[in-house]
Protein backbone atom coordinates (compact mmCIF):
# COMPACT_ATOMS: atom_id res chain seq x y z
CA MET A 1 -14.25 89.61 -20.52
CA ASP A 2 -10.83 91.10 -19.69
CA VAL A 3 -11.30 94.85 -20.25
CA GLU A 4 -7.57 95.62 -20.56
CA SER A 5 -6.60 92.88 -22.99
CA GLN A 6 -9.92 92.91 -24.80
CA ARG A 7 -9.69 89.07 -24.83
CA SER A 8 -11.82 86.48 -23.19
CA ALA A 9 -10.22 84.76 -20.14
CA ARG A 10 -9.50 81.03 -20.41
CA PRO A 11 -12.15 79.05 -18.55
CA ARG A 12 -10.64 77.50 -15.43
CA GLY A 13 -13.10 74.60 -15.45
CA ARG A 14 -11.71 73.23 -18.72
CA CYS A 15 -8.27 72.51 -17.22
CA LEU A 16 -9.92 70.81 -14.26
CA ASP A 17 -12.00 68.62 -16.58
CA VAL A 18 -8.92 67.52 -18.52
CA PHE A 19 -7.14 66.63 -15.26
CA LEU A 20 -10.09 64.59 -14.00
CA VAL A 21 -10.47 62.71 -17.29
CA SER A 22 -6.75 61.90 -17.35
CA SER A 23 -6.89 60.66 -13.74
CA VAL A 24 -9.88 58.40 -14.45
CA VAL A 25 -8.23 56.94 -17.58
CA LEU A 26 -5.01 56.28 -15.66
CA LEU A 27 -6.96 54.63 -12.84
CA LEU A 28 -8.82 52.37 -15.28
CA LEU A 29 -5.56 51.35 -16.97
CA THR A 30 -4.03 50.54 -13.57
CA VAL A 31 -7.02 48.41 -12.53
CA ALA A 32 -7.00 46.59 -15.87
CA THR A 33 -3.29 45.83 -15.48
CA VAL A 34 -3.80 44.47 -11.96
CA VAL A 35 -6.70 42.27 -13.12
CA VAL A 36 -4.68 40.84 -16.02
CA MET A 37 -1.65 40.14 -13.81
CA GLY A 38 -3.86 38.56 -11.13
CA THR A 39 -5.56 36.33 -13.70
CA LEU A 40 -2.22 35.15 -15.09
CA ALA A 41 -0.94 34.45 -11.57
CA LEU A 42 -4.10 32.48 -10.73
CA VAL A 43 -3.80 30.38 -13.89
CA GLU A 44 -0.17 29.61 -13.08
CA LEU A 45 -1.05 28.72 -9.49
CA ARG A 46 -3.81 26.36 -10.63
CA SER A 47 -1.44 24.63 -13.02
CA GLU A 48 1.07 24.13 -10.20
CA ILE A 49 -1.63 22.76 -7.89
CA ALA A 50 -2.80 20.37 -10.60
CA VAL A 51 0.71 18.93 -10.86
CA LYS A 52 1.62 18.73 -7.18
CA PRO A 53 -0.76 15.89 -6.14
CA SER A 54 1.09 13.47 -8.44
CA VAL A 55 4.29 14.42 -6.63
CA VAL A 56 3.18 14.13 -3.00
CA ASP A 57 0.60 11.34 -3.24
CA THR A 58 1.64 7.81 -2.43
CA HIS A 59 -0.59 4.92 -3.41
CA ARG A 60 -0.76 1.40 -2.14
CA SER A 61 -2.89 -1.27 -3.84
CA THR A 62 -3.50 -4.89 -2.94
CA GLU A 63 -5.75 -7.69 -4.06
CA THR A 64 -6.73 -10.71 -2.02
CA SER A 65 -9.17 -13.55 -2.50
CA HIS A 66 -10.13 -13.71 1.18
CA VAL A 67 -10.87 -10.91 3.63
CA GLU A 68 -8.91 -11.64 6.80
CA PRO A 69 -6.84 -9.69 9.35
CA SER A 70 -3.51 -8.76 7.81
CA SER A 71 -1.02 -5.93 7.55
CA MET A 72 -0.93 -3.79 4.42
CA PRO A 73 2.70 -2.82 3.81
CA VAL A 74 3.41 0.07 1.47
CA TYR A 75 5.24 -0.59 -1.78
CA LYS A 76 6.90 1.91 -4.08
CA VAL A 77 5.84 1.59 -7.71
CA ASP A 78 8.28 2.76 -10.39
CA TYR A 79 6.93 3.86 -13.74
CA GLY A 80 9.04 5.37 -16.52
CA GLN A 81 11.37 7.96 -15.04
CA GLY A 82 9.17 8.53 -11.99
CA SER A 83 7.64 6.59 -9.10
CA SER A 84 4.65 6.63 -6.76
CA LEU A 85 6.89 7.92 -3.95
CA GLY A 86 6.46 11.65 -3.35
CA ASP A 87 9.23 14.10 -2.55
CA LEU A 88 8.00 14.34 1.04
CA TYR A 89 8.57 10.65 1.75
CA THR A 90 11.46 8.35 2.52
CA TYR A 91 10.74 4.72 1.68
CA ASP A 92 11.80 2.04 4.16
CA LEU A 93 12.45 -1.07 2.09
CA THR A 94 12.90 -3.30 5.17
CA HIS A 95 9.53 -2.58 6.78
CA HIS A 96 7.69 -1.34 3.67
CA THR A 97 6.65 1.93 5.28
CA LEU A 98 6.89 5.62 4.44
CA LYS A 99 8.73 8.07 6.66
CA THR A 100 7.67 11.69 6.91
CA ALA A 101 10.11 14.46 6.00
CA GLN A 102 8.95 17.10 8.49
CA ASP A 103 6.36 17.94 11.15
CA GLY A 104 2.95 19.17 10.08
CA PHE A 105 -0.75 18.51 9.58
CA TYR A 106 -1.56 15.96 6.88
CA PHE A 107 -4.70 14.98 5.05
CA LEU A 108 -5.04 11.18 5.11
CA TYR A 109 -7.76 9.39 3.21
CA LEU A 110 -8.74 5.86 2.23
CA ASP A 111 -10.47 4.91 -1.00
CA LEU A 112 -11.78 1.35 -0.54
CA GLN A 113 -13.48 -0.88 -3.08
CA LEU A 114 -14.45 -4.47 -2.28
CA THR A 115 -15.88 -6.84 -4.86
CA CYS A 116 -17.67 -10.08 -4.01
CA THR A 117 -16.58 -12.97 -6.23
CA ALA A 118 -18.82 -15.65 -4.72
CA LYS A 119 -21.79 -15.94 -2.35
CA CYS A 120 -20.39 -13.67 0.32
CA GLY A 121 -21.65 -13.55 3.88
CA ARG A 122 -22.35 -10.49 5.99
CA GLY A 123 -19.41 -8.98 7.84
CA ILE A 124 -17.50 -5.88 8.87
CA LEU A 125 -14.15 -4.81 7.49
CA VAL A 126 -11.92 -2.24 9.18
CA VAL A 127 -8.90 -0.69 7.48
CA GLN A 128 -6.53 1.32 9.65
CA VAL A 129 -3.56 3.57 8.99
CA ALA A 130 -1.17 3.62 11.94
CA SER A 131 2.22 4.98 12.95
CA HIS A 132 4.25 3.18 15.61
CA GLY A 133 1.10 1.25 16.53
CA ASP A 134 -0.87 4.47 17.03
CA GLU A 135 -4.02 4.60 14.88
CA LYS A 136 -4.15 7.69 12.65
CA LEU A 137 -7.13 6.84 10.45
CA THR A 138 -9.81 4.14 10.70
CA CYS A 139 -12.32 3.26 8.01
CA GLN A 140 -15.12 0.75 8.71
CA VAL A 141 -17.11 -0.92 5.95
CA GLU A 142 -20.25 -3.01 6.40
CA LEU A 143 -20.29 -5.90 3.94
CA PRO A 144 -23.82 -7.01 3.00
CA GLU A 145 -24.76 -10.64 2.57
CA TRP A 146 -25.10 -11.67 -1.04
CA SER A 147 -28.37 -13.23 -2.12
CA GLU A 148 -30.42 -13.54 -5.27
CA SER A 149 -32.76 -10.85 -3.97
CA ASN A 150 -29.82 -8.63 -2.98
CA PRO A 151 -27.02 -9.36 -5.46
CA VAL A 152 -24.59 -6.72 -4.20
CA THR A 153 -21.16 -7.37 -5.71
CA THR A 154 -19.25 -4.14 -5.06
CA VAL A 155 -18.97 -2.00 -1.93
CA LYS A 156 -17.17 1.36 -1.92
CA ARG A 157 -16.17 3.51 1.00
CA LYS A 158 -14.09 6.68 1.42
CA CYS A 159 -12.75 7.93 4.75
CA TRP A 160 -10.51 10.88 5.57
CA MET A 161 -8.90 12.60 8.52
CA VAL A 162 -6.56 15.55 9.13
CA ARG A 163 -3.88 14.49 11.62
CA TRP A 164 -0.66 15.91 13.02
CA LEU A 165 2.38 13.85 12.06
CA ASP A 166 5.93 14.51 13.18
CA SER A 167 9.11 13.84 11.26
CA GLU A 168 9.50 10.46 12.97
CA SER A 169 6.11 9.12 11.88
CA ARG A 170 5.95 5.93 9.85
CA LEU A 171 2.63 4.91 8.37
CA MET A 172 1.41 1.47 7.43
CA GLY A 173 -2.05 0.16 6.63
CA ARG A 174 -3.75 -2.76 8.35
CA MET A 175 -6.91 -4.69 7.49
CA VAL A 176 -8.97 -6.00 10.43
CA VAL A 177 -12.07 -8.23 10.35
CA PRO A 178 -13.80 -7.92 13.77
CA GLU A 179 -16.43 -10.51 12.82
CA ALA A 180 -14.65 -13.00 10.61
CA GLN A 181 -16.91 -15.47 8.82
CA ASP A 182 -16.08 -18.48 6.68
CA THR A 183 -18.64 -17.37 4.12
CA LEU A 184 -16.99 -13.98 3.74
CA ASN A 185 -14.97 -14.73 0.66
CA SER A 186 -14.48 -11.75 -1.58
CA LYS A 187 -11.98 -10.05 -3.78
CA SER A 188 -10.99 -6.73 -2.26
CA GLN A 189 -8.95 -3.84 -3.50
CA GLN A 190 -7.79 -1.31 -0.94
CA ARG A 191 -6.07 1.83 -2.11
CA PRO A 192 -5.08 3.97 0.84
CA VAL A 193 -3.58 7.28 -0.29
CA PHE A 194 -1.42 9.28 2.10
CA ASN A 195 -1.10 13.04 1.40
CA GLY A 196 1.73 13.85 3.74
CA TYR A 197 4.43 11.87 5.49
CA ILE A 198 4.89 8.36 6.82
CA ASP A 199 7.28 6.70 9.24
CA ASP A 200 8.33 3.16 10.18
CA VAL A 201 6.36 0.54 12.13
CA SER A 202 8.35 -2.41 13.41
CA ARG A 203 7.13 -5.94 12.78
CA GLN A 204 6.84 -6.54 16.52
CA GLN A 205 4.52 -3.53 16.85
CA LEU A 206 2.35 -4.86 14.05
CA GLU A 207 2.13 -8.25 15.74
CA ASP A 208 1.20 -6.57 19.03
CA SER A 209 -1.50 -4.50 17.33
CA ALA A 210 -2.85 -7.64 15.66
CA GLN A 211 -3.41 -9.18 19.10
CA ASN A 212 -5.34 -6.12 20.27
CA ASP A 213 -9.09 -6.81 20.05
CA THR A 214 -10.01 -3.15 20.53
CA ILE A 215 -10.89 -1.40 17.29
CA LEU A 216 -10.25 2.34 17.43
CA THR A 217 -12.65 4.54 15.54
CA HIS A 218 -12.72 8.27 14.96
């Protein structure tokens, strides 16, 4: 009680309480704003990531009635207003290869599916991705022998590797049969997908690699 004014003094704690409550409310509003903005940014980033694979991925498919050593040149597939060639590639029509746009680490993977169309024998199939004759990715598949007790008709295999590729790299696939058998007659579909860059492999280099009996594995 103020004796001179005969009035009660204003409590100092009340002003402090109002200041603390205002600070807490402001802090909560700031945190809520940051959370909302972060969520919106994350949703936008996910949508961009979901679209990018269709831009940078390059697919190559082939079908054959007999599994035998052969090169697997890359072909560009046009569809509508787009194509299977990503922005990070330059397509070499002469050698059917993809040339990388810049240096960097690239995720290479093979998605193989082989289907037996007859009484297939046992064997081993190797699919390689190489640049200038240098193996970048090797995927080996064991093909079981078909029988009435073991009627296996489809074999699937996925292989991947992270490799450094420079701007002069040119990738091409190659199918190798280390143990070729006359009874190994199957319909195969190989779909190697290259997330990155590819460069040119000359025909002479492919012929030289075909004569090499050594199979490189990772």
